[in-house]
Protein backbone atom coordinates (compact mmCIF):
# COMPACT_ATOMS: atom_id res chain seq x y z
CA MET A 1 -0.56 148.14 -82.55
CA SER A 2 1.07 151.60 -82.42
CA HIS A 3 2.16 153.17 -79.13
CA PHE A 4 -0.60 155.76 -79.52
CA SER A 5 -3.27 153.09 -80.11
CA LEU A 6 -1.98 151.12 -77.13
CA PHE A 7 -2.17 154.25 -74.98
CA ILE A 8 -5.77 154.90 -76.08
CA PHE A 9 -6.73 151.26 -75.34
CA ILE A 10 -5.20 151.41 -71.85
CA PHE A 11 -6.84 154.78 -71.19
CA ILE A 12 -10.27 153.44 -72.14
CA CYS A 13 -9.82 150.36 -69.94
CA VAL A 14 -8.71 152.43 -66.95
CA SER A 15 -11.60 154.87 -67.52
CA CYS A 16 -14.07 151.98 -67.54
CA LEU A 17 -12.64 150.64 -64.30
CA VAL A 18 -12.95 154.09 -62.72
CA VAL A 19 -16.59 154.32 -63.85
CA ILE A 20 -17.31 150.87 -62.44
CA SER A 21 -15.55 151.54 -59.13
CA HIS A 22 -17.23 154.93 -58.74
CA ALA A 23 -20.67 153.48 -59.51
CA ILE A 24 -20.29 150.65 -57.00
CA ASN A 25 -18.88 152.79 -54.20
CA ASN A 26 -21.48 155.54 -54.61
CA GLY A 27 -24.42 153.38 -55.60
CA PHE A 28 -26.17 153.01 -58.92
CA SER A 29 -29.64 152.52 -60.35
CA VAL A 30 -31.15 150.50 -63.20
CA GLU A 31 -34.47 150.55 -65.02
CA LEU A 32 -37.30 148.22 -64.09
CA ILE A 33 -39.92 147.60 -66.77
CA HIS A 34 -43.47 146.65 -65.79
CA ARG A 35 -44.66 143.77 -67.93
CA ASP A 36 -47.77 145.67 -69.11
CA SER A 37 -46.08 149.01 -69.82
CA PHE A 38 -45.56 150.38 -73.33
CA LYS A 39 -41.79 149.79 -72.96
CA SER A 40 -42.17 146.12 -72.05
CA PRO A 41 -41.19 143.44 -74.57
CA LEU A 42 -44.23 141.57 -73.21
CA TYR A 43 -46.65 144.40 -73.99
CA ASN A 44 -49.53 143.22 -76.14
CA PRO A 45 -51.28 146.17 -77.81
CA SER A 46 -54.18 143.97 -78.86
CA GLN A 47 -55.14 143.30 -75.23
CA THR A 48 -57.82 145.47 -73.64
CA LYS A 49 -57.38 146.97 -70.18
CA PHE A 50 -60.01 144.53 -68.95
CA GLU A 51 -58.02 141.57 -70.26
CA ARG A 52 -54.81 142.85 -68.66
CA ASN A 53 -56.50 143.34 -65.30
CA PHE A 54 -58.21 139.97 -65.56
CA ASN A 55 -54.73 138.49 -65.87
CA VAL A 56 -53.54 140.52 -62.85
CA VAL A 57 -55.95 138.69 -60.57
CA HIS A 58 -55.10 135.26 -61.91
CA ARG A 59 -51.35 135.86 -61.77
CA SER A 60 -51.73 136.94 -58.14
CA ILE A 61 -53.67 133.79 -57.28
CA ASN A 62 -51.10 131.63 -59.08
CA ARG A 63 -48.31 133.34 -57.19
CA ALA A 64 -50.06 132.83 -53.85
CA ASN A 65 -50.58 129.14 -54.63
CA TYR A 66 -46.89 128.69 -55.43
CA LEU A 67 -45.69 130.55 -52.35
CA TYR A 68 -48.04 128.59 -50.10
CA LYS A 69 -46.86 125.36 -51.67
CA LYS A 70 -43.27 126.38 -50.98
CA LEU A 71 -43.91 127.32 -47.35
CA SER A 72 -45.76 124.08 -46.66
CA SER A 73 -43.32 121.87 -48.59
CA THR A 74 -41.29 119.20 -46.78
CA LYS A 75 -39.08 118.44 -49.78
CA ASN A 76 -35.40 119.07 -49.32
CA LYS A 77 -34.40 120.29 -52.74
CA LEU A 78 -33.79 123.50 -54.62
CA GLU A 79 -37.11 124.93 -55.75
CA SER A 80 -38.47 128.21 -56.98
CA TYR A 81 -42.06 129.32 -57.18
CA LEU A 82 -42.20 132.19 -59.60
CA PRO A 83 -45.51 131.63 -61.43
CA HIS A 84 -45.13 130.44 -64.98
CA ASP A 85 -46.66 133.48 -66.66
CA ASN A 86 -43.70 135.78 -67.06
CA GLY A 87 -43.52 137.68 -63.75
CA GLU A 88 -44.25 141.36 -63.14
CA TYR A 89 -41.05 143.40 -63.54
CA LEU A 90 -38.34 142.86 -66.13
CA MET A 91 -34.74 143.95 -65.98
CA SER A 92 -32.27 144.02 -68.81
CA TYR A 93 -28.69 142.95 -68.07
CA SER A 94 -25.71 141.44 -69.86
CA VAL A 95 -23.93 138.19 -69.19
CA GLY A 96 -20.49 137.01 -70.26
CA THR A 97 -17.44 138.45 -72.02
CA PRO A 98 -18.12 140.05 -74.42
CA PRO A 99 -21.41 141.17 -72.79
CA PHE A 100 -24.53 139.44 -74.15
CA ARG A 101 -27.78 141.30 -73.43
CA VAL A 102 -30.77 139.39 -72.01
CA TYR A 103 -34.02 140.08 -70.12
CA GLY A 104 -34.59 138.62 -66.66
CA ILE A 105 -37.51 138.72 -64.24
CA LEU A 106 -36.93 140.43 -60.89
CA ASP A 107 -38.13 138.13 -58.12
CA THR A 108 -37.69 138.82 -54.40
CA GLY A 109 -39.01 135.31 -53.70
CA SER A 110 -36.27 133.40 -55.60
CA ASN A 111 -32.58 132.93 -54.92
CA LEU A 112 -31.04 131.64 -58.13
CA ILE A 113 -30.06 133.73 -61.16
CA TRP A 114 -30.69 131.51 -64.17
CA LEU A 115 -31.09 131.86 -67.91
CA GLN A 116 -31.50 129.64 -70.96
CA CYS A 117 -28.18 128.60 -72.50
CA LYS A 118 -27.07 126.90 -75.71
CA PRO A 119 -27.15 124.00 -76.40
CA CYS A 120 -30.72 123.85 -75.18
CA ASN A 121 -32.99 120.84 -75.60
CA PRO A 122 -35.79 121.18 -74.86
CA CYS A 123 -36.21 124.93 -74.49
CA TYR A 124 -39.24 127.13 -74.11
CA ASN A 125 -39.71 129.47 -77.05
CA GLN A 126 -37.45 132.38 -76.14
CA THR A 127 -38.02 134.98 -78.84
CA SER A 128 -34.79 136.86 -78.09
CA PRO A 129 -31.30 135.38 -78.74
CA ILE A 130 -30.15 132.65 -76.33
CA PHE A 131 -26.83 132.93 -74.50
CA ASP A 132 -24.02 130.68 -75.76
CA PRO A 133 -21.49 130.10 -72.94
CA SER A 134 -18.90 128.71 -75.39
CA LYS A 135 -18.53 132.24 -76.78
CA SER A 136 -17.80 133.83 -73.39
CA SER A 137 -14.21 134.00 -72.15
CA SER A 138 -15.35 134.52 -68.53
CA TYR A 139 -17.66 131.47 -68.31
CA LYS A 140 -16.52 128.67 -65.98
CA ASN A 141 -18.36 125.60 -64.73
CA ILE A 142 -18.47 125.13 -60.98
CA PRO A 143 -16.68 121.82 -60.22
CA CYS A 144 -18.34 119.01 -58.29
CA SER A 145 -15.79 119.26 -55.48
CA SER A 146 -16.42 122.96 -54.82
CA ARG A 147 -17.88 124.23 -51.58
CA THR A 148 -20.58 126.06 -53.57
CA CYS A 149 -21.81 122.84 -55.17
CA LYS A 150 -21.74 120.88 -51.92
CA SER A 151 -23.49 123.57 -49.89
CA MET A 152 -26.46 124.08 -52.21
CA GLU A 153 -29.59 121.97 -51.91
CA GLY A 154 -30.87 120.21 -55.00
CA THR A 155 -27.56 119.88 -56.82
CA SER A 156 -25.95 116.81 -58.35
CA CYS A 157 -22.78 116.15 -60.29
CA SER A 158 -21.78 115.20 -63.79
CA TYR A 159 -18.34 113.79 -63.13
CA ASP A 160 -17.55 113.12 -66.76
CA ILE A 161 -17.24 116.88 -67.29
CA ASP A 162 -16.79 117.78 -63.57
CA ALA A 163 -19.74 120.18 -63.59
CA CYS A 164 -22.16 120.88 -60.76
CA GLN A 165 -25.74 120.36 -61.98
CA TYR A 166 -28.79 122.20 -60.66
CA LYS A 167 -32.45 121.21 -60.82
CA LEU A 168 -35.11 123.82 -60.18
CA ASP A 169 -38.80 122.89 -60.27
CA TYR A 170 -41.86 125.09 -60.65
CA THR A 171 -44.48 122.44 -61.44
CA ALA A 172 -44.38 118.93 -62.85
CA GLU A 173 -44.41 120.44 -66.35
CA SER A 174 -42.32 123.50 -65.64
CA TYR A 175 -38.66 123.34 -64.67
CA THR A 176 -35.10 124.28 -65.53
CA ARG A 177 -32.05 122.00 -65.48
CA GLY A 178 -28.48 122.90 -66.18
CA GLU A 179 -25.03 123.70 -64.86
CA LEU A 180 -24.06 125.99 -62.03
CA SER A 181 -21.36 128.28 -63.29
CA ILE A 182 -19.34 131.41 -62.65
CA GLU A 183 -19.87 134.31 -65.01
CA THR A 184 -19.60 138.10 -65.32
CA LEU A 185 -22.84 140.10 -65.03
CA THR A 186 -23.06 143.66 -66.33
CA LEU A 187 -25.85 146.07 -65.38
CA ASP A 188 -26.77 149.23 -67.28
CA SER A 189 -26.76 152.15 -64.89
CA ALA A 190 -29.42 154.85 -65.24
CA SER A 191 -26.55 157.35 -65.46
CA ASP A 192 -25.57 155.92 -68.88
CA SER A 193 -22.62 153.96 -67.50
CA PHE A 194 -22.27 150.27 -66.80
CA VAL A 195 -21.31 148.22 -63.77
CA SER A 196 -19.73 144.76 -64.12
CA PHE A 197 -19.52 142.09 -61.44
CA PRO A 198 -17.20 139.12 -62.07
CA LYS A 199 -17.53 135.64 -60.60
CA ILE A 200 -21.30 135.62 -60.06
CA VAL A 201 -22.89 132.19 -59.57
CA ILE A 202 -25.59 131.59 -62.18
CA GLY A 203 -27.60 128.67 -63.46
CA CYS A 204 -27.04 127.98 -67.16
CA GLY A 205 -30.20 126.15 -68.21
CA HIS A 206 -29.81 123.57 -70.96
CA ASN A 207 -33.09 121.72 -70.32
CA ASN A 208 -36.05 124.00 -69.71
CA ALA A 209 -39.74 123.21 -69.93
CA GLU A 210 -42.23 126.02 -69.44
CA PRO A 211 -45.23 125.94 -71.77
CA LEU A 212 -46.52 129.38 -70.73
CA TYR A 213 -43.16 131.09 -70.45
CA ASN A 214 -42.63 131.81 -74.13
CA GLY A 215 -41.36 135.29 -74.90
CA PRO A 216 -38.19 137.38 -74.73
CA ASN A 217 -37.40 136.48 -71.13
CA SER A 218 -34.20 134.53 -70.67
CA GLY A 219 -34.94 133.51 -67.08
CA VAL A 220 -35.10 134.83 -63.51
CA ILE A 221 -32.95 137.18 -61.42
CA GLY A 222 -33.31 136.01 -57.83
CA PHE A 223 -33.41 138.84 -55.29
CA GLY A 224 -34.27 136.67 -52.29
CA SER A 225 -32.36 136.42 -49.04
CA GLY A 226 -30.51 133.19 -49.89
CA ASP A 227 -26.78 132.97 -50.62
CA THR A 228 -27.06 132.67 -54.42
CA SER A 229 -29.37 135.64 -54.96
CA LEU A 230 -27.93 138.62 -56.82
CA VAL A 231 -28.08 140.96 -53.83
CA LYS A 232 -26.40 138.45 -51.51
CA GLN A 233 -23.65 137.79 -54.06
CA LEU A 234 -23.01 141.51 -54.57
CA GLY A 235 -22.67 141.67 -50.79
CA SER A 236 -20.27 144.29 -49.47
CA SER A 237 -19.96 146.03 -52.86
CA ILE A 238 -23.52 147.34 -52.36
CA GLY A 239 -23.44 147.36 -48.57
CA GLY A 240 -26.27 144.82 -48.49
CA LYS A 241 -28.71 147.48 -49.71
CA PHE A 242 -31.17 147.65 -52.59
CA SER A 243 -34.40 149.55 -53.16
CA TYR A 244 -37.11 149.98 -55.76
CA CYS A 245 -39.72 152.60 -56.53
CA PHE A 246 -42.73 151.18 -58.39
CA ILE A 247 -44.77 153.53 -60.53
CA ASP A 248 -48.47 152.84 -61.02
CA GLY A 249 -48.25 150.37 -63.88
CA TYR A 250 -51.98 150.45 -64.59
CA ASN A 251 -52.55 154.20 -64.61
CA ASN A 252 -49.24 155.14 -66.19
CA LYS A 253 -49.72 156.87 -69.54
CA SER A 254 -46.14 158.04 -69.86
CA ASN A 255 -42.98 156.26 -70.92
CA ARG A 256 -41.52 156.44 -67.41
CA SER A 257 -40.26 153.26 -65.77
CA SER A 258 -39.75 152.09 -62.22
CA LYS A 259 -36.27 152.21 -60.74
CA LEU A 260 -34.12 149.66 -58.92
CA SER A 261 -31.17 151.00 -56.91
CA PHE A 262 -28.16 149.50 -55.16
CA GLY A 263 -25.66 150.59 -52.51
CA ASN A 264 -25.70 154.21 -51.37
CA ASP A 265 -28.35 155.04 -53.98
CA ALA A 266 -30.68 152.60 -52.19
CA ILE A 267 -30.55 154.28 -48.77
CA VAL A 268 -34.00 155.51 -47.71
CA THR A 269 -33.64 158.68 -45.62
CA GLY A 270 -35.43 161.90 -44.79
CA ASP A 271 -38.71 162.75 -43.12
CA ASN A 272 -41.58 160.30 -42.74
CA VAL A 273 -39.53 157.14 -43.30
CA VAL A 274 -41.14 154.03 -41.81
CA SER A 275 -38.84 151.09 -41.05
CA THR A 276 -39.91 147.61 -40.03
CA PRO A 277 -37.65 144.68 -39.04
CA MET A 278 -37.38 141.60 -41.22
CA VAL A 279 -38.53 138.44 -39.46
CA LYS A 280 -36.41 135.29 -39.44
CA MET A 281 -38.85 132.48 -40.07
CA VAL A 282 -38.36 128.82 -39.18
CA GLY A 283 -39.15 126.14 -41.74
CA ASN A 284 -38.44 124.97 -45.28
CA PHE A 285 -37.47 127.61 -47.86
CA THR A 286 -38.54 130.57 -45.70
CA LYS A 287 -35.07 132.02 -46.27
CA ASP A 288 -36.07 132.70 -49.89
CA ASN A 289 -38.65 135.32 -48.94
CA TYR A 290 -38.71 138.54 -46.96
CA PHE A 291 -41.08 138.44 -43.99
CA VAL A 292 -42.15 141.45 -41.92
CA THR A 293 -44.57 141.93 -39.03
CA MET A 294 -48.02 143.28 -39.86
CA LYS A 295 -49.99 144.42 -36.82
CA ALA A 296 -53.21 145.51 -38.55
CA PHE A 297 -54.87 147.11 -41.56
CA SER A 298 -57.18 150.11 -41.39
CA VAL A 299 -60.06 151.02 -43.68
CA GLY A 300 -60.69 154.66 -42.89
CA ASN A 301 -60.75 154.71 -39.08
CA LYS A 302 -61.72 151.05 -38.77
CA ARG A 303 -58.68 149.09 -37.54
CA ILE A 304 -58.62 145.35 -38.29
CA LYS A 305 -56.14 143.14 -36.46
CA TYR A 306 -53.93 140.99 -38.66
CA ARG A 307 -53.48 137.27 -38.04
CA GLY A 308 -51.73 135.10 -40.62
CA PHE A 309 -50.68 131.51 -41.20
CA LYS A 310 -49.54 129.20 -38.42
CA ARG A 311 -45.87 129.02 -37.64
CA VAL A 312 -44.24 125.70 -38.59
CA GLY A 313 -44.33 123.25 -35.68
CA THR A 314 -46.86 125.25 -33.60
CA ASN A 315 -50.57 125.95 -33.48
CA ALA A 316 -50.09 129.69 -32.99
CA SER A 317 -51.08 132.13 -35.72
CA THR A 318 -48.48 134.73 -36.61
CA ASP A 319 -48.62 138.34 -37.63
CA ASN A 320 -45.96 137.79 -40.29
CA ILE A 321 -46.55 138.70 -43.93
CA ILE A 322 -44.41 138.26 -47.05
CA ILE A 323 -43.36 141.44 -48.82
CA ASP A 324 -43.09 140.46 -52.47
CA SER A 325 -42.31 142.04 -55.85
CA GLY A 326 -43.79 139.17 -57.87
CA THR A 327 -47.38 139.32 -56.57
CA ASN A 328 -49.62 142.09 -57.88
CA LEU A 329 -52.47 142.28 -55.41
CA CYS A 330 -52.39 142.10 -51.63
CA ILE A 331 -53.19 138.56 -50.50
CA LEU A 332 -54.85 138.41 -47.09
CA PRO A 333 -56.03 135.62 -44.77
CA GLN A 334 -59.75 135.15 -45.31
CA ARG A 335 -60.86 136.50 -41.91
CA VAL A 336 -58.82 139.67 -42.30
CA TYR A 337 -59.97 140.24 -45.87
CA TYR A 338 -63.69 139.81 -45.17
CA LYS A 339 -63.53 142.30 -42.30
CA MET A 340 -61.85 144.83 -44.61
CA GLU A 341 -64.40 144.18 -47.33
CA SER A 342 -67.25 144.67 -44.86
CA ALA A 343 -65.76 147.97 -43.65
CA LEU A 344 -65.40 149.20 -47.24
CA LYS A 345 -68.98 148.33 -48.12
CA LYS A 346 -70.22 150.42 -45.19
CA LEU A 347 -68.11 153.44 -46.10
CA VAL A 348 -68.37 153.49 -49.91
CA LYS A 349 -71.75 154.54 -51.25
CA LEU A 350 -70.90 154.25 -54.94
CA PRO A 351 -72.89 151.78 -57.08
CA ARG A 352 -71.33 148.34 -57.16
CA PHE A 353 -70.05 146.70 -60.33
CA HIS A 354 -70.89 142.98 -60.19
CA ASP A 355 -68.70 140.51 -62.03
CA ASP A 356 -70.79 137.46 -62.87
CA GLY A 357 -67.63 135.41 -63.34
CA GLY A 358 -66.52 136.03 -59.76
CA THR A 359 -63.01 137.08 -60.71
CA PHE A 360 -63.29 140.61 -59.25
CA ARG A 361 -64.69 140.58 -55.74
CA LEU A 362 -65.29 144.22 -54.90
CA CYS A 363 -65.60 146.81 -57.69
CA TYR A 364 -67.38 150.15 -57.96
CA ASN A 365 -68.72 152.32 -60.74
CA THR A 366 -66.75 155.54 -60.25
CA THR A 367 -68.60 157.87 -62.65
CA SER A 368 -70.10 159.47 -59.51
CA LYS A 369 -67.78 161.53 -57.33
CA GLN A 370 -66.66 159.99 -54.04
CA ASP A 371 -63.25 159.45 -52.56
CA PHE A 372 -62.40 155.98 -51.35
CA PRO A 373 -61.45 155.73 -47.67
CA PRO A 374 -57.70 155.52 -47.02
CA ILE A 375 -56.20 152.06 -46.58
CA THR A 376 -53.35 151.92 -44.07
CA ALA A 377 -50.93 149.06 -43.33
CA HIS A 378 -49.78 149.08 -39.70
CA PHE A 379 -46.35 147.46 -39.61
CA LYS A 380 -44.27 146.89 -36.54
CA GLY A 381 -42.35 150.16 -36.51
CA GLY A 382 -44.86 152.43 -38.22
CA ASP A 383 -47.79 152.97 -40.55
CA VAL A 384 -47.87 153.04 -44.36
CA LYS A 385 -50.87 154.72 -45.99
CA LEU A 386 -51.34 153.10 -49.38
CA ASP A 387 -51.31 155.22 -52.51
CA SER A 388 -54.73 155.37 -54.18
CA GLY A 389 -53.27 153.44 -57.13
CA GLY A 390 -52.09 150.75 -54.73
CA ALA A 391 -55.40 150.23 -52.93
CA PHE A 392 -57.70 150.33 -56.00
CA TYR A 393 -57.01 149.62 -59.63
CA PRO A 394 -59.01 150.47 -62.76
CA LEU A 395 -60.74 147.48 -64.28
CA TYR A 396 -61.60 149.74 -67.18
CA GLU A 397 -62.84 153.29 -67.61
CA GLY A 398 -65.29 154.15 -64.83
CA VAL A 399 -64.81 150.95 -62.78
CA GLU A 400 -62.29 150.48 -59.99
CA CYS A 401 -61.64 147.37 -57.92
CA PHE A 402 -60.24 146.75 -54.46
CA ALA A 403 -56.64 145.56 -54.88
CA PHE A 404 -56.91 142.91 -52.14
CA ILE A 405 -58.13 139.31 -52.36
CA PRO A 406 -58.72 136.59 -49.71
CA TYR A 407 -56.67 133.42 -49.47
CA LYS A 408 -57.21 130.21 -47.56
CA ASN A 409 -54.76 128.78 -45.02
CA GLY A 410 -53.82 132.18 -43.61
CA LEU A 411 -51.26 133.19 -46.24
CA GLY A 412 -50.51 136.93 -46.41
CA ILE A 413 -48.57 138.77 -49.14
CA PHE A 414 -47.94 142.51 -49.31
CA GLY A 415 -47.89 142.74 -53.11
CA ASN A 416 -46.32 145.21 -55.51
CA MET A 417 -49.50 147.28 -56.07
CA ALA A 418 -49.58 148.13 -52.35
CA GLN A 419 -46.00 149.40 -52.73
CA VAL A 420 -46.80 151.78 -55.62
CA ASN A 421 -45.34 155.28 -55.14
CA TYR A 422 -43.23 154.22 -52.19
CA LEU A 423 -39.48 154.07 -52.15
CA VAL A 424 -38.97 150.63 -50.57
CA GLY A 425 -35.48 149.92 -49.29
CA TYR A 426 -34.00 146.65 -48.05
CA ASP A 427 -30.99 146.72 -45.74
CA LEU A 428 -29.77 143.14 -45.37
CA HIS A 429 -27.13 144.12 -42.81
CA LYS A 430 -29.57 145.87 -40.46
CA ASN A 431 -32.39 143.44 -41.41
CA ILE A 432 -34.95 146.18 -42.02
CA VAL A 433 -37.33 147.22 -44.79
CA SER A 434 -38.02 150.96 -45.08
CA PHE A 435 -40.85 152.83 -46.78
CA LYS A 436 -40.97 156.47 -47.87
CA SER A 437 -43.88 158.00 -49.77
CA THR A 438 -42.45 159.09 -53.14
CA ASP A 439 -43.72 160.11 -56.56
CA CYS A 440 -41.91 157.32 -58.36
CA THR A 441 -42.38 158.95 -61.76
CA LYS A 442 -40.04 161.70 -60.55
CA TYR A 443 -37.63 159.58 -58.52
């Protein structure tokens, strides 16, 4: 190599390091792709809007069932409960050296970052290329004797190769098995630069069974509050802060995408910011999810007190609710939901659309002109008035449905539709979640 070529190589490397350092210190943002958007690799142009919205309801119910199962579980092992139908928001990132591009599912209710890896037997049918760790110079197995392996629940050891093994279950027929490892993750910044993070703990899945998971997705990017989630591992480099701004995925006719931000770019400031404290829950696996305090919901001027599931070990109902990126609709305890439904029926005079199959509980023919009453979530710390696209969603042209459904056993989930057109920021150091009304197509 000539002296000039060597100089150019060193200059490029130093420039890349400067870009990375600058991006981390000043914050950075990446693109989030809604699964049903035109830009999504999961987008199916042959599906009708009715079929997509039919799936919205069923994915929400599946998600609620998994989260309830997790919260009521007494098993002491590593588990994740992302429903097995591909999640809601996708994020592209690269793993390894040289970088290998994959798609992962953003999930604020999971802690592990995992992806399918070669050799893989059996594997679900991933339609995009599968990561081969033998071709990455930065890939390292986590040894059995390491503190990371010993501190994580649900791990075991393969002493013949001194590799820490993980086992993550969704259902009896849906799981991932593999090795815990250290690897470099690279994120594409929205400013056309890239940000690399070395020594990130990931799960390299060599045995994965998920009959309904087929597609381009390589796995899951855990954004929960546990130690192995991406945001916890990035730690001080992002100041414990991340935020997202969800566009209306079901009324979006543009090519715009939602945005996920880290560090200083994730700080939610300005007028009309509502902040609510995160709640530390007691019980199995509650550290995976983000809980906040919900005081009430309002339909118009009708205020309905919120009471959720019973706290573990007591008979007292709580006013805690999960704030979740992986659930579409708002899931409410049955008593709370039916009071909201009753209030809506009294206020809305539009003709009802009746679904004989019972999938859609409360829908209206909207060919006549009438505004729906505002829906407001009253958190501890302030009130959040839901965007119209977050409170009602179009079943198809001329029919809109209430974006809330009841759930037994008192489970409550503040889903991603309710967060549409809000900048939602998580500060894991201050333990708060902040909301600011924002046109997310322009953010």
